[in-house]
Amino acid sequence: MSNVEQTLSIIKPDAVERNLDDKIKSVFINKGFKIVKEKKIKLEKEDAEKFYKVHETKPFYNDLCEYLSSGLIVAMVLEKEDAVLANRKLMGATDPKKAEEGTLRKQFGISIDKNSIHGSDSINNSKIEIDFFFKD
């Protein structure tokens, strides 16, 4: 019984600035993800605020929105069996210093704020996040 899912992944401004997008995409492909859709865009702060609305009450909300809208990002729809979980595992802990060896954040993240990559945290949120960037 196959459980193919889609999840959203964002290569964040710090990684795009360092020209790591192709390197990060190749990691996904090597781990069996299919990149179904992708686009490189610059978000306005208002859009970042809408995207991160779930974190609105948290102290880091404003910095997070400032950061996501500070430069180009690459939004991607990834597809694979159990994609949400597989992507979370591949990304690693939010803090690159605490992330496991071999994870994207361990390899590319600079700090807890500039951790290079975002991934949906649930099936439900992945649908919402994919629609946010790829609603036709």
C-alpha atoms as a PDB file:
ATOM      1  CA  MET A   1       0.000   0.000   0.000  1.00  0.00           C
ATOM      2  CA  SER A   2       1.702   3.130  -1.242  1.00  0.00           C
ATOM      3  CA  ASN A   3       1.296   6.374   0.658  1.00  0.00           C
ATOM      4  CA  VAL A   4       2.581   8.977  -1.796  1.00  0.00           C
ATOM      5  CA  GLU A   5       2.234  12.483  -0.373  1.00  0.00           C
ATOM      6  CA  GLN A   6       3.160  15.994  -1.314  1.00  0.00           C
ATOM      7  CA  THR A   7       4.824  18.480   0.999  1.00  0.00           C
ATOM      8  CA  LEU A   8       6.076  22.020   0.701  1.00  0.00           C
ATOM      9  CA  SER A   9       9.721  22.869   1.065  1.00  0.00           C
ATOM     10  CA  ILE A  10      11.238  26.335   0.953  1.00  0.00           C
ATOM     11  CA  ILE A  11      14.891  27.038   0.387  1.00  0.00           C
ATOM     12  CA  LYS A  12      15.246  30.140   2.543  1.00  0.00           C
ATOM     13  CA  PRO A  13      17.042  33.422   1.711  1.00  0.00           C
ATOM     14  CA  ASP A  14      20.322  32.532   3.459  1.00  0.00           C
ATOM     15  CA  ALA A  15      20.730  29.405   1.313  1.00  0.00           C
ATOM     16  CA  VAL A  16      19.653  31.089  -1.944  1.00  0.00           C
ATOM     17  CA  GLU A  17      22.102  33.949  -1.247  1.00  0.00           C
ATOM     18  CA  ARG A  18      24.887  31.378  -0.948  1.00  0.00           C
ATOM     19  CA  ASN A  19      23.785  29.724  -4.225  1.00  0.00           C
ATOM     20  CA  LEU A  20      22.920  26.460  -2.493  1.00  0.00           C
ATOM     21  CA  ASP A  21      19.555  25.887  -4.209  1.00  0.00           C
ATOM     22  CA  ASP A  22      20.865  23.355  -6.767  1.00  0.00           C
ATOM     23  CA  LYS A  23      22.880  21.542  -4.094  1.00  0.00           C
ATOM     24  CA  ILE A  24      19.834  21.293  -1.819  1.00  0.00           C
ATOM     25  CA  LYS A  25      17.558  20.201  -4.687  1.00  0.00           C
ATOM     26  CA  SER A  26      20.008  17.445  -5.610  1.00  0.00           C
ATOM     27  CA  VAL A  27      19.923  16.169  -2.005  1.00  0.00           C
ATOM     28  CA  PHE A  28      16.124  15.887  -2.259  1.00  0.00           C
ATOM     29  CA  ILE A  29      16.365  14.063  -5.589  1.00  0.00           C
ATOM     30  CA  ASN A  30      19.064  11.695  -4.264  1.00  0.00           C
ATOM     31  CA  LYS A  31      16.784  10.891  -1.302  1.00  0.00           C
ATOM     32  CA  GLY A  32      13.996   9.852  -3.674  1.00  0.00           C
ATOM     33  CA  PHE A  33      11.895  13.012  -3.673  1.00  0.00           C
ATOM     34  CA  LYS A  34      10.350  14.216  -6.894  1.00  0.00           C
ATOM     35  CA  ILE A  35      10.252  18.010  -7.297  1.00  0.00           C
ATOM     36  CA  VAL A  36       6.780  18.394  -8.790  1.00  0.00           C
ATOM     37  CA  LYS A  37       6.667  22.204  -8.889  1.00  0.00           C
ATOM     38  CA  GLU A  38       9.095  24.947  -8.023  1.00  0.00           C
ATOM     39  CA  LYS A  39       9.475  28.684  -8.281  1.00  0.00           C
ATOM     40  CA  LYS A  40      12.009  31.257  -7.188  1.00  0.00           C
ATOM     41  CA  ILE A  41      10.305  34.332  -5.794  1.00  0.00           C
ATOM     42  CA  LYS A  42      10.727  37.247  -3.419  1.00  0.00           C
ATOM     43  CA  LEU A  43       7.907  37.467  -0.864  1.00  0.00           C
ATOM     44  CA  GLU A  44       6.584  40.767   0.390  1.00  0.00           C
ATOM     45  CA  LYS A  45       6.547  41.027   4.184  1.00  0.00           C
ATOM     46  CA  GLU A  46       2.710  40.903   4.206  1.00  0.00           C
ATOM     47  CA  ASP A  47       2.841  37.577   2.346  1.00  0.00           C
ATOM     48  CA  ALA A  48       5.409  36.197   4.782  1.00  0.00           C
ATOM     49  CA  GLU A  49       3.085  37.281   7.617  1.00  0.00           C
ATOM     50  CA  LYS A  50       0.187  35.403   6.009  1.00  0.00           C
ATOM     51  CA  PHE A  51       2.359  32.355   5.414  1.00  0.00           C
ATOM     52  CA  TYR A  52       3.586  32.234   9.022  1.00  0.00           C
ATOM     53  CA  LYS A  53       0.214  33.221  10.543  1.00  0.00           C
ATOM     54  CA  VAL A  54       0.280  30.071  12.713  1.00  0.00           C
ATOM     55  CA  HIS A  55       3.246  31.602  14.584  1.00  0.00           C
ATOM     56  CA  GLU A  56       1.618  35.024  14.986  1.00  0.00           C
ATOM     57  CA  THR A  57       1.582  34.913  18.792  1.00  0.00           C
ATOM     58  CA  LYS A  58       5.169  33.728  19.166  1.00  0.00           C
ATOM     59  CA  PRO A  59       7.990  36.136  20.065  1.00  0.00           C
ATOM     60  CA  PHE A  60      10.016  35.268  16.939  1.00  0.00           C
ATOM     61  CA  TYR A  61       7.121  35.931  14.518  1.00  0.00           C
ATOM     62  CA  ASN A  62       8.210  39.371  13.302  1.00  0.00           C
ATOM     63  CA  ASP A  63      11.864  38.367  12.795  1.00  0.00           C
ATOM     64  CA  LEU A  64      10.757  35.232  10.970  1.00  0.00           C
ATOM     65  CA  CYS A  65       8.592  37.269   8.581  1.00  0.00           C
ATOM     66  CA  GLU A  66      11.343  39.870   8.066  1.00  0.00           C
ATOM     67  CA  TYR A  67      13.790  37.092   7.283  1.00  0.00           C
ATOM     68  CA  LEU A  68      11.585  35.114   4.882  1.00  0.00           C
ATOM     69  CA  SER A  69      10.894  38.301   2.920  1.00  0.00           C
ATOM     70  CA  SER A  70      14.540  39.489   3.003  1.00  0.00           C
ATOM     71  CA  GLY A  71      15.606  37.855  -0.256  1.00  0.00           C
ATOM     72  CA  LEU A  72      14.792  35.288  -2.899  1.00  0.00           C
ATOM     73  CA  ILE A  73      13.379  31.930  -1.839  1.00  0.00           C
ATOM     74  CA  VAL A  74      12.705  28.735  -3.756  1.00  0.00           C
ATOM     75  CA  ALA A  75       9.300  27.202  -3.010  1.00  0.00           C
ATOM     76  CA  MET A  76       8.963  23.562  -4.041  1.00  0.00           C
ATOM     77  CA  VAL A  77       6.342  20.855  -3.960  1.00  0.00           C
ATOM     78  CA  LEU A  78       8.061  17.588  -3.106  1.00  0.00           C
ATOM     79  CA  GLU A  79       6.478  14.206  -3.693  1.00  0.00           C
ATOM     80  CA  LYS A  80       7.418  10.881  -2.195  1.00  0.00           C
ATOM     81  CA  GLU A  81       6.032   8.130  -0.023  1.00  0.00           C
ATOM     82  CA  ASP A  82       5.369   9.665   3.427  1.00  0.00           C
ATOM     83  CA  ALA A  83       6.812  12.936   2.099  1.00  0.00           C
ATOM     84  CA  VAL A  84       5.949  15.100   5.119  1.00  0.00           C
ATOM     85  CA  LEU A  85       7.757  12.876   7.594  1.00  0.00           C
ATOM     86  CA  ALA A  86      10.621  12.072   5.219  1.00  0.00           C
ATOM     87  CA  ASN A  87      11.186  15.785   4.588  1.00  0.00           C
ATOM     88  CA  ARG A  88      11.092  16.640   8.324  1.00  0.00           C
ATOM     89  CA  LYS A  89      13.687  13.942   8.968  1.00  0.00           C
ATOM     90  CA  LEU A  90      15.907  15.115   6.108  1.00  0.00           C
ATOM     91  CA  MET A  91      15.733  18.759   7.252  1.00  0.00           C
ATOM     92  CA  GLY A  92      16.832  18.017  10.802  1.00  0.00           C
ATOM     93  CA  ALA A  93      16.319  20.040  13.981  1.00  0.00           C
ATOM     94  CA  THR A  94      15.465  23.758  13.730  1.00  0.00           C
ATOM     95  CA  ASP A  95      18.810  24.608  15.341  1.00  0.00           C
ATOM     96  CA  PRO A  96      21.593  23.442  12.981  1.00  0.00           C
ATOM     97  CA  LYS A  97      23.885  22.901  15.987  1.00  0.00           C
ATOM     98  CA  LYS A  98      21.427  20.298  17.305  1.00  0.00           C
ATOM     99  CA  ALA A  99      20.599  18.763  13.921  1.00  0.00           C
ATOM    100  CA  GLU A 100      21.823  15.256  13.152  1.00  0.00           C
ATOM    101  CA  GLU A 101      24.761  14.686  10.797  1.00  0.00           C
ATOM    102  CA  GLY A 102      23.657  14.401   7.180  1.00  0.00           C
ATOM    103  CA  THR A 103      20.556  16.573   7.597  1.00  0.00           C
ATOM    104  CA  LEU A 104      20.081  19.668   5.438  1.00  0.00           C
ATOM    105  CA  ARG A 105      20.164  22.069   8.365  1.00  0.00           C
ATOM    106  CA  LYS A 106      23.350  20.473   9.750  1.00  0.00           C
ATOM    107  CA  GLN A 107      25.010  20.799   6.328  1.00  0.00           C
ATOM    108  CA  PHE A 108      23.747  24.224   5.261  1.00  0.00           C
ATOM    109  CA  GLY A 109      22.118  26.022   8.201  1.00  0.00           C
ATOM    110  CA  ILE A 110      23.909  29.008   9.730  1.00  0.00           C
ATOM    111  CA  SER A 111      21.841  29.509  12.894  1.00  0.00           C
ATOM    112  CA  ILE A 112      18.475  28.741  14.463  1.00  0.00           C
ATOM    113  CA  ASP A 113      17.066  31.734  12.532  1.00  0.00           C
ATOM    114  CA  LYS A 114      18.954  31.164   9.296  1.00  0.00           C
ATOM    115  CA  ASN A 115      18.482  27.433   9.055  1.00  0.00           C
ATOM    116  CA  SER A 116      18.283  27.364   5.228  1.00  0.00           C
ATOM    117  CA  ILE A 117      15.105  25.348   4.786  1.00  0.00           C
ATOM    118  CA  HIS A 118      11.418  25.138   5.693  1.00  0.00           C
ATOM    119  CA  GLY A 119       9.199  22.100   5.433  1.00  0.00           C
ATOM    120  CA  SER A 120       5.539  21.515   6.198  1.00  0.00           C
ATOM    121  CA  ASP A 121       4.998  19.947   9.622  1.00  0.00           C
ATOM    122  CA  SER A 122       1.824  17.973   8.820  1.00  0.00           C
ATOM    123  CA  ILE A 123      -0.305  16.692   5.945  1.00  0.00           C
ATOM    124  CA  ASN A 124      -2.892  19.343   6.715  1.00  0.00           C
ATOM    125  CA  ASN A 125      -0.377  22.192   6.727  1.00  0.00           C
ATOM    126  CA  SER A 126       1.318  20.894   3.594  1.00  0.00           C
ATOM    127  CA  LYS A 127      -1.957  21.302   1.667  1.00  0.00           C
ATOM    128  CA  ILE A 128      -2.407  24.846   3.021  1.00  0.00           C
ATOM    129  CA  GLU A 129       1.231  25.777   2.315  1.00  0.00           C
ATOM    130  CA  ILE A 130       1.235  24.291  -1.201  1.00  0.00           C
ATOM    131  CA  ASP A 131      -1.945  26.258  -1.990  1.00  0.00           C
ATOM    132  CA  PHE A 132      -0.311  29.411  -0.619  1.00  0.00           C
ATOM    133  CA  PHE A 133       2.464  29.262  -3.220  1.00  0.00           C
ATOM    134  CA  PHE A 134       0.924  27.267  -6.072  1.00  0.00           C
ATOM    135  CA  LYS A 135      -2.781  28.082  -6.152  1.00  0.00           C
ATOM    136  CA  ASP A 136      -3.517  28.365  -9.855  1.00  0.00           C
END
